Structure formats: structure tokens, C-alpha cells
């Protein structure tokens, strides 16, 4: 999966895991919100996953 944004390797992995959980259509909505919103959601997902 490629996005127009530069994501770190860890963020790319989180994005792939999130896509597996919620589906590509919902991830596309997140991606369309811009890089700051996407990174914030990936960070939140990462924090949630580690608890």
C-alpha cells in the first residue's frame, strides 16, 4: 500500500495493520484528511495496540 505521504517504516506497518482491521475504504478516508491527522490516528492506534 502506498500513500502520497512520507511515513516511517513503523507508521507504514501500523497503517497496514489498521487497514486489515477496518478496511481500505475507511483508511482512504483517514488518508484524505491529511498527513497530520493520519499520523495522529496512527499514533493513537499504536498506543491502543500496546496496552
Protein backbone atom coordinates (compact mmCIF):
# COMPACT_ATOMS: atom_id res chain seq x y z
CA UNK A 1 0.00 0.00 0.00
CA UNK A 2 1.45 3.35 -0.97
CA UNK A 3 0.35 6.77 0.12
CA UNK A 4 1.44 10.16 -1.15
CA UNK A 5 2.81 10.91 2.32
CA UNK A 6 6.20 10.00 3.66
CA UNK A 7 5.62 7.59 6.51
CA UNK A 8 8.23 5.98 8.70
CA UNK A 9 8.58 2.22 8.48
CA UNK A 10 6.76 1.84 11.81
CA UNK A 11 3.93 4.10 10.62
CA UNK A 12 3.64 2.11 7.38
CA UNK A 13 3.32 -1.12 9.38
CA UNK A 14 0.66 0.47 11.61
CA UNK A 15 -1.21 1.64 8.51
CA UNK A 16 -1.16 -1.88 7.08
CA UNK A 17 -2.43 -3.33 10.37
CA UNK A 18 -5.13 -0.68 10.60
CA UNK A 19 -6.18 -1.45 7.02
CA UNK A 20 -6.52 -5.12 7.92
CA UNK A 21 -8.76 -4.20 10.85
CA UNK A 22 -11.02 -1.50 9.40
CA UNK A 23 -10.71 -1.94 5.65
CA UNK A 24 -9.25 0.06 2.79
CA UNK A 25 -12.26 2.36 2.32
CA UNK A 26 -12.05 3.67 5.88
CA UNK A 27 -8.27 4.04 5.68
CA UNK A 28 -8.71 6.04 2.47
CA UNK A 29 -10.91 8.45 4.43
CA UNK A 30 -8.18 8.82 7.07
CA UNK A 31 -5.52 9.38 4.40
CA UNK A 32 -7.66 12.05 2.73
CA UNK A 33 -7.67 14.05 5.98
CA UNK A 34 -4.01 14.91 5.54
CA UNK A 35 -0.65 13.90 6.97
CA UNK A 36 -1.07 15.39 10.45
CA UNK A 37 -4.44 13.76 11.03
CA UNK A 38 -3.21 10.42 9.70
CA UNK A 39 -0.09 10.46 11.86
CA UNK A 40 -2.15 11.36 14.94
CA UNK A 41 -4.50 8.46 14.29
CA UNK A 42 -1.62 6.06 13.68
CA UNK A 43 -0.01 7.17 16.95
CA UNK A 44 -3.30 6.65 18.78
CA UNK A 45 -3.71 3.22 17.20
CA UNK A 46 -0.16 2.32 18.20
CA UNK A 47 -0.77 3.41 21.79
CA UNK A 48 -4.04 1.46 21.92
CA UNK A 49 -2.42 -1.64 20.46
CA UNK A 50 0.38 -1.58 23.04
CA UNK A 51 -1.99 -1.55 26.04
